[in-house]
Protein backbone atom coordinates (compact mmCIF):
# COMPACT_ATOMS: atom_id res chain seq x y z
CA MET A 1 -81.34 17.86 5.86
CA THR A 2 -81.27 20.39 3.03
CA ILE A 3 -80.44 23.20 5.39
CA LEU A 4 -77.60 21.28 6.94
CA LEU A 5 -76.10 20.40 3.56
CA GLY A 6 -76.34 23.92 2.24
CA THR A 7 -74.92 25.64 5.26
CA PRO A 8 -71.30 26.65 4.66
CA ARG A 9 -68.88 25.09 7.04
CA PRO A 10 -66.98 27.62 9.17
CA ARG A 11 -63.33 27.88 8.20
CA ASN A 12 -60.68 27.32 10.82
CA THR A 13 -58.02 29.75 9.66
CA ALA A 14 -55.74 28.92 12.50
CA ALA A 15 -55.83 25.26 11.59
CA GLU A 16 -55.22 25.96 7.91
CA GLY A 17 -52.24 28.16 8.53
CA ALA A 18 -50.62 25.78 10.98
CA THR A 19 -47.87 23.43 9.93
CA PRO A 20 -48.99 19.80 9.68
CA PRO A 21 -47.97 17.72 12.67
CA GLY A 22 -44.46 16.33 12.41
CA ARG A 23 -43.32 18.44 9.44
CA GLY A 24 -41.67 21.14 11.51
CA SER A 25 -39.84 18.64 13.66
CA ARG A 26 -38.56 16.86 10.53
CA SER A 27 -37.30 20.12 9.03
CA ARG A 28 -35.55 20.95 12.27
CA ARG A 29 -33.84 17.55 12.23
CA ARG A 30 -32.49 17.88 8.67
CA PRO A 31 -29.28 19.84 9.50
CA GLY A 32 -28.39 17.23 12.10
CA ARG A 33 -28.96 14.43 9.64
CA ARG A 34 -26.78 16.17 7.08
CA ARG A 35 -23.97 16.55 9.58
CA ARG A 36 -24.22 12.88 10.52
CA SER A 37 -24.21 11.82 6.87
CA ALA A 38 -21.13 13.99 6.26
CA LEU A 39 -19.33 12.49 9.25
CA THR A 40 -20.06 8.89 8.29
CA PRO A 41 -17.37 8.65 5.54
CA LEU A 42 -14.87 10.29 7.88
CA LEU A 43 -15.51 7.62 10.50
CA PHE A 44 -14.72 4.91 7.97
CA LEU A 45 -11.60 6.75 6.77
CA ALA A 46 -10.30 7.51 10.27
CA PRO A 47 -8.71 4.08 11.06
CA GLY A 48 -6.78 3.98 7.78
CA PHE A 49 -5.75 7.62 8.13
CA LEU A 50 -4.49 7.03 11.68
CA LEU A 51 -2.50 4.02 10.52
CA PHE A 52 -1.07 6.13 7.69
CA LEU A 53 -0.02 8.81 10.16
CA GLY A 54 1.46 6.31 12.60
CA LEU A 55 3.22 4.00 10.16
CA ILE A 56 4.22 6.35 7.33
CA ILE A 57 4.19 10.04 8.24
CA TYR A 58 5.56 9.79 11.78
CA PRO A 59 8.51 7.52 10.82
CA MET A 60 9.39 9.88 7.97
CA ILE A 61 9.41 12.89 10.29
CA LYS A 62 11.37 10.93 12.92
CA ALA A 63 13.95 9.80 10.36
CA PHE A 64 14.40 13.37 9.16
CA GLN A 65 14.95 14.47 12.76
CA MET A 66 17.42 11.63 13.45
CA SER A 67 19.48 12.55 10.39
CA PHE A 68 20.64 15.71 12.19
CA TYR A 69 21.82 13.82 15.29
CA ASP A 70 24.48 11.40 16.36
CA TRP A 71 21.60 9.20 17.42
CA ASN A 72 22.12 7.00 20.43
CA VAL A 73 19.77 4.02 20.71
CA ILE A 74 20.71 3.17 24.30
CA ALA A 75 17.85 3.93 26.69
CA GLY A 76 18.50 7.11 28.65
CA ALA A 77 21.55 8.11 26.59
CA THR A 78 21.80 11.54 25.03
CA SER A 79 21.78 12.03 21.27
CA HIS A 80 23.94 14.96 20.20
CA PHE A 81 22.86 17.42 17.53
CA ILE A 82 25.48 17.51 14.74
CA GLY A 83 23.61 19.48 12.07
CA TRP A 84 24.45 18.60 8.45
CA ASP A 85 27.42 16.38 9.31
CA ASN A 86 25.66 13.15 8.30
CA TYR A 87 24.80 14.61 4.90
CA THR A 88 28.34 15.90 4.43
CA LYS A 89 29.63 12.46 5.35
CA ALA A 90 27.41 10.86 2.69
CA PHE A 91 28.73 13.08 -0.10
CA HIS A 92 32.31 12.22 0.88
CA ASP A 93 31.67 8.49 1.36
CA PRO A 94 32.95 6.44 -1.63
CA ILE A 95 30.73 3.47 -0.72
CA PHE A 96 27.67 5.72 -0.73
CA GLY A 97 28.65 6.98 -4.18
CA ARG A 98 29.04 3.38 -5.36
CA ALA A 99 25.62 2.54 -3.92
CA VAL A 100 24.08 5.43 -5.90
CA VAL A 101 25.72 4.22 -9.12
CA ASN A 102 24.66 0.62 -8.48
CA SER A 103 21.06 1.68 -7.78
CA ALA A 104 20.98 3.74 -10.97
CA ALA A 105 22.52 0.85 -12.93
CA TYR A 106 19.97 -1.60 -11.54
CA MET A 107 17.17 0.78 -12.51
CA ALA A 108 18.61 1.23 -16.01
CA MET A 109 19.05 -2.53 -16.52
CA THR A 110 15.60 -3.54 -15.27
CA VAL A 111 13.12 -0.82 -16.25
CA PRO A 112 13.42 -0.86 -20.09
CA PRO A 113 13.19 -4.69 -20.41
CA GLN A 114 10.18 -4.80 -18.11
CA ILE A 115 8.42 -2.18 -20.22
CA VAL A 116 9.32 -3.75 -23.58
CA PHE A 117 8.65 -7.37 -22.62
CA GLY A 118 5.56 -6.46 -20.62
CA LEU A 119 4.05 -4.51 -23.52
CA GLY A 120 4.97 -7.20 -26.05
CA ILE A 121 3.44 -10.00 -23.99
CA ALA A 122 0.33 -7.88 -23.31
CA MET A 123 -0.18 -7.31 -27.03
CA LEU A 124 0.11 -11.04 -27.70
CA LEU A 125 -2.31 -11.95 -24.93
CA ASN A 126 -4.75 -9.24 -25.98
CA HIS A 127 -5.77 -11.36 -28.98
CA LYS A 128 -8.22 -14.20 -28.60
CA ALA A 129 -6.33 -17.47 -28.46
CA PRO A 130 -6.74 -20.85 -26.76
CA GLY A 131 -5.35 -20.91 -23.22
CA ARG A 132 -5.10 -17.13 -22.97
CA ALA A 133 -6.22 -17.08 -19.32
CA MET A 134 -3.67 -19.74 -18.41
CA TYR A 135 -0.82 -17.80 -20.01
CA ARG A 136 -1.87 -14.62 -18.19
CA ALA A 137 -1.73 -16.49 -14.88
CA LEU A 138 1.66 -18.03 -15.69
CA TYR A 139 3.22 -14.70 -16.63
CA TYR A 140 1.81 -13.05 -13.51
CA LEU A 141 2.88 -15.87 -11.17
CA PRO A 142 6.41 -14.49 -10.51
CA VAL A 143 4.89 -11.22 -9.27
CA VAL A 144 3.15 -12.91 -6.33
CA THR A 145 6.01 -15.22 -5.38
CA SER A 146 8.10 -14.44 -2.31
CA TRP A 147 11.17 -12.26 -2.84
CA VAL A 148 13.06 -14.40 -0.34
CA VAL A 149 12.31 -17.65 -2.15
CA VAL A 150 13.15 -16.42 -5.66
CA SER A 151 16.28 -14.60 -4.43
CA LEU A 152 17.64 -17.84 -2.97
CA LEU A 153 16.66 -19.60 -6.20
CA PHE A 154 18.60 -17.11 -8.34
CA GLN A 155 21.55 -17.35 -5.97
CA TYR A 156 21.61 -21.07 -6.77
CA LEU A 157 21.15 -20.49 -10.51
CA PHE A 158 24.08 -18.06 -10.70
CA ALA A 159 26.40 -19.99 -8.37
CA ASP A 160 29.81 -21.08 -9.68
CA ASN A 161 28.45 -24.58 -10.32
CA GLY A 162 24.89 -23.42 -10.93
CA VAL A 163 22.47 -23.93 -13.76
CA VAL A 164 23.49 -20.79 -15.67
CA ASN A 165 27.13 -21.85 -15.89
CA TRP A 166 26.07 -25.38 -16.79
CA VAL A 167 24.02 -24.08 -19.72
CA LEU A 168 26.69 -21.63 -20.89
CA HIS A 169 29.67 -23.95 -20.54
CA ASP A 170 28.50 -27.54 -20.76
CA VAL A 171 25.44 -27.26 -23.00
CA THR A 172 26.02 -24.38 -25.41
CA HIS A 173 29.83 -24.02 -24.97
CA ALA A 174 29.37 -20.24 -25.08
CA THR A 175 32.05 -19.77 -22.39
CA SER A 176 35.41 -21.46 -21.94
CA GLY A 177 34.85 -21.90 -18.20
CA ASN A 178 32.51 -21.17 -15.34
CA ILE A 179 31.83 -17.51 -14.65
CA SER A 180 31.98 -16.45 -11.03
CA TRP A 181 28.84 -14.34 -11.27
CA LEU A 182 28.51 -13.39 -7.60
CA SER A 183 32.14 -12.58 -6.86
CA SER A 184 32.47 -9.32 -8.81
CA ARG A 185 30.53 -6.10 -9.04
CA TRP A 186 28.97 -6.01 -12.50
CA THR A 187 28.36 -9.74 -12.95
CA GLY A 188 26.67 -9.69 -9.56
CA MET A 189 24.52 -6.77 -10.68
CA VAL A 190 23.59 -8.76 -13.83
CA ALA A 191 22.35 -11.64 -11.66
CA ILE A 192 20.36 -9.29 -9.44
CA SER A 193 18.93 -7.45 -12.44
CA ALA A 194 17.91 -10.74 -14.09
CA LEU A 195 15.77 -11.50 -11.05
CA GLY A 196 14.25 -8.01 -11.12
CA ILE A 197 13.29 -8.37 -14.80
CA TRP A 198 11.88 -11.89 -14.40
CA LYS A 199 9.80 -10.91 -11.40
CA GLY A 200 8.51 -7.58 -12.74
CA VAL A 201 7.51 -8.37 -16.34
CA GLY A 202 4.18 -9.89 -15.25
CA TRP A 203 3.17 -6.74 -13.39
CA SER A 204 3.81 -4.40 -16.30
CA MET A 205 2.11 -6.93 -18.60
CA MET A 206 -1.10 -6.78 -16.56
CA ILE A 207 -1.15 -2.95 -16.55
CA PHE A 208 -0.58 -2.77 -20.30
CA LEU A 209 -3.13 -5.51 -20.93
CA ALA A 210 -5.80 -3.56 -19.04
CA ALA A 211 -4.91 -0.44 -21.06
CA LEU A 212 -5.01 -2.32 -24.38
CA GLN A 213 -8.48 -3.62 -23.66
CA GLY A 214 -9.63 0.01 -23.39
CA VAL A 215 -8.46 0.91 -26.91
CA ARG A 216 -11.47 1.62 -29.15
CA LYS A 217 -11.74 -1.12 -31.75
CA GLU A 218 -13.48 1.12 -34.27
CA LEU A 219 -10.39 3.36 -34.41
CA VAL A 220 -8.14 0.38 -35.09
CA GLU A 221 -10.52 -0.91 -37.75
CA ALA A 222 -10.74 2.53 -39.35
CA ALA A 223 -6.94 2.77 -39.51
CA GLN A 224 -6.81 -0.69 -41.02
CA CYS A 225 -9.36 0.27 -43.65
CA ASP A 226 -7.21 3.30 -44.51
CA GLY A 227 -4.33 0.94 -45.29
CA ALA A 228 -2.29 1.40 -42.11
CA GLY A 229 0.04 -1.48 -41.33
CA PRO A 230 0.52 -3.05 -37.86
CA TRP A 231 3.32 -0.66 -36.87
CA GLN A 232 1.40 2.38 -38.13
CA ARG A 233 -1.74 1.30 -36.25
CA PHE A 234 0.29 0.81 -33.09
CA ARG A 235 2.03 4.18 -33.38
CA ALA A 236 -1.02 6.23 -34.39
CA VAL A 237 -3.85 4.54 -32.48
CA THR A 238 -2.68 2.13 -29.78
CA LEU A 239 0.27 4.04 -28.34
CA PRO A 240 -1.62 7.33 -27.69
CA ALA A 241 -4.41 5.35 -26.02
CA ILE A 242 -2.09 3.48 -23.63
CA TRP A 243 0.24 6.44 -23.02
CA PRO A 244 -1.09 7.18 -19.49
CA ALA A 245 -0.62 3.53 -18.55
CA GLY A 246 2.92 3.65 -19.91
CA ALA A 247 3.66 6.72 -17.83
CA PHE A 248 2.33 5.01 -14.70
CA VAL A 249 4.34 1.83 -15.35
CA THR A 250 7.55 3.75 -16.01
CA ILE A 251 7.31 5.91 -12.90
CA MET A 252 6.46 2.99 -10.63
CA LEU A 253 9.26 0.83 -12.06
CA VAL A 254 11.82 3.61 -11.60
CA ILE A 255 10.73 4.03 -7.97
CA GLY A 256 10.94 0.27 -7.48
CA GLY A 257 14.38 0.17 -9.10
CA PHE A 258 15.79 2.54 -6.51
CA ASN A 259 14.18 0.49 -3.73
CA ALA A 260 15.91 -2.82 -4.48
CA PHE A 261 16.79 -4.49 -1.20
CA VAL A 262 15.87 -8.15 -0.57
CA SER A 263 17.40 -9.51 -3.78
CA VAL A 264 20.71 -7.71 -3.19
CA LEU A 265 20.84 -8.74 0.46
CA LEU A 266 20.19 -12.43 -0.23
CA ILE A 267 21.98 -12.99 -3.55
CA THR A 268 25.28 -11.17 -2.92
CA ASN A 269 24.85 -9.74 0.59
CA ALA A 270 26.04 -6.45 -1.00
CA GLY A 271 29.45 -8.04 -1.51
CA PRO A 272 32.12 -8.73 -2.24
CA ALA A 273 33.62 -5.89 -0.19
CA ASP A 274 30.58 -3.61 -0.67
CA GLU A 275 30.90 -3.86 -4.46
CA THR A 276 27.18 -4.48 -5.02
CA GLN A 277 25.84 -2.13 -2.36
CA VAL A 278 22.67 -0.29 -3.29
CA LEU A 279 21.13 2.57 -1.36
CA LEU A 280 18.73 0.54 0.77
CA THR A 281 21.26 -2.15 1.68
CA TYR A 282 23.81 0.50 2.63
CA MET A 283 21.23 2.32 4.72
CA TYR A 284 20.37 -1.00 6.42
CA LYS A 285 24.05 -1.72 7.10
CA GLN A 286 24.68 1.69 8.65
CA ALA A 287 21.55 1.64 10.80
CA PHE A 288 21.24 -1.96 11.95
CA THR A 289 24.78 -3.34 11.63
CA ASN A 290 26.89 -0.32 12.53
CA LEU A 291 24.09 1.15 14.73
CA ASP A 292 24.71 4.55 13.15
CA PHE A 293 21.06 5.50 12.93
CA GLY A 294 21.80 9.15 12.20
CA TYR A 295 23.82 8.35 9.09
CA GLY A 296 21.35 5.67 8.02
CA SER A 297 18.50 8.17 8.35
CA ALA A 298 20.42 10.70 6.26
CA ILE A 299 20.81 8.10 3.49
CA ALA A 300 17.07 7.38 3.67
CA VAL A 301 16.25 11.09 3.41
CA LEU A 302 18.56 11.55 0.43
CA LEU A 303 17.00 8.53 -1.29
CA THR A 304 13.49 9.91 -0.68
CA ILE A 305 14.41 13.32 -2.08
CA GLY A 306 16.09 11.77 -5.11
CA VAL A 307 13.14 9.52 -5.93
CA PHE A 308 10.69 12.41 -5.46
CA VAL A 309 12.65 14.70 -7.79
CA LEU A 310 13.05 11.97 -10.40
CA SER A 311 9.34 11.16 -10.28
CA ALA A 312 8.43 14.84 -10.68
CA ILE A 313 10.71 15.12 -13.72
CA GLN A 314 9.11 12.04 -15.27
CA LEU A 315 5.59 13.34 -14.65
CA ARG A 316 6.45 16.63 -16.31
CA ALA A 317 8.09 14.86 -19.25
CA PHE A 318 5.12 12.56 -19.83
CA ARG A 319 2.67 15.45 -19.59
CA SER A 320 4.68 17.43 -22.11
CA GLU A 321 4.74 14.46 -24.51
CA ASP A 322 1.00 14.05 -24.04
CA GLY A 323 0.42 17.71 -24.89
CA ASN A 324 -0.95 18.65 -21.45
CA GLY A 325 2.16 20.13 -19.87
């Protein structure tokens, strides 16, 4: 027994130098696993990306192509290439020029009130008060209502015998008679803009409210301890903190202002005599009423370029104000 215990066991060098069973096969499978793990996110992204290509990118490319043709929608008919004629026609079309002015006026009349009222309401609702959640829901409710429903509602409110004229003439006696809001250009644009403001304030309020809740309370308290008043605290502490949110709200509202369509179509039907045409309603009229798809596509391309340039200018301006540009 002693001899057996004291005898050194022979070493199996081949066994010691060999790779343990299974380890080599696992190492060989690692590159394949990495490739599969890298492809997994792409598989989830693929359906959305294909939809984006089919529903966004392809129509944009097709519209750009159609803008250079006298496009014929009849099956089997030939569409003739006319070059820049549709764009030249747009710049010489007085109704197109009026649509540009009306779109810019709608944007100018709706964007500042939505920013001011949205920020003011957000600051009020940012403080703890009874019923704060209910007021947030009430202010946001117009955002989720149907454009068709509220457009028909505002058409009734601004009718010749509507509620607005009843309040102005019969209740407050602010006017000597009923105003025909929807029968002239600028009064019609006022009615359309009123709907845009009412429906959009809740959206900007929610964005600003989320930004205000991210403002560091210790900075506000420190400014208050230093003797800063409410306006000074807002200008020195709150405004720099919510500046990115303000930039986002402004850019999105400007884009939305140039994309007004349903409210104009249902409240005034772009009338009377094309007086309240905006870019999208005029594009719709040319493409689907006059069946001039080439000219309608040219209007769409010009609108896209204009919005893109305006958004780029705003981004640069906000970055410069923020000190990053």
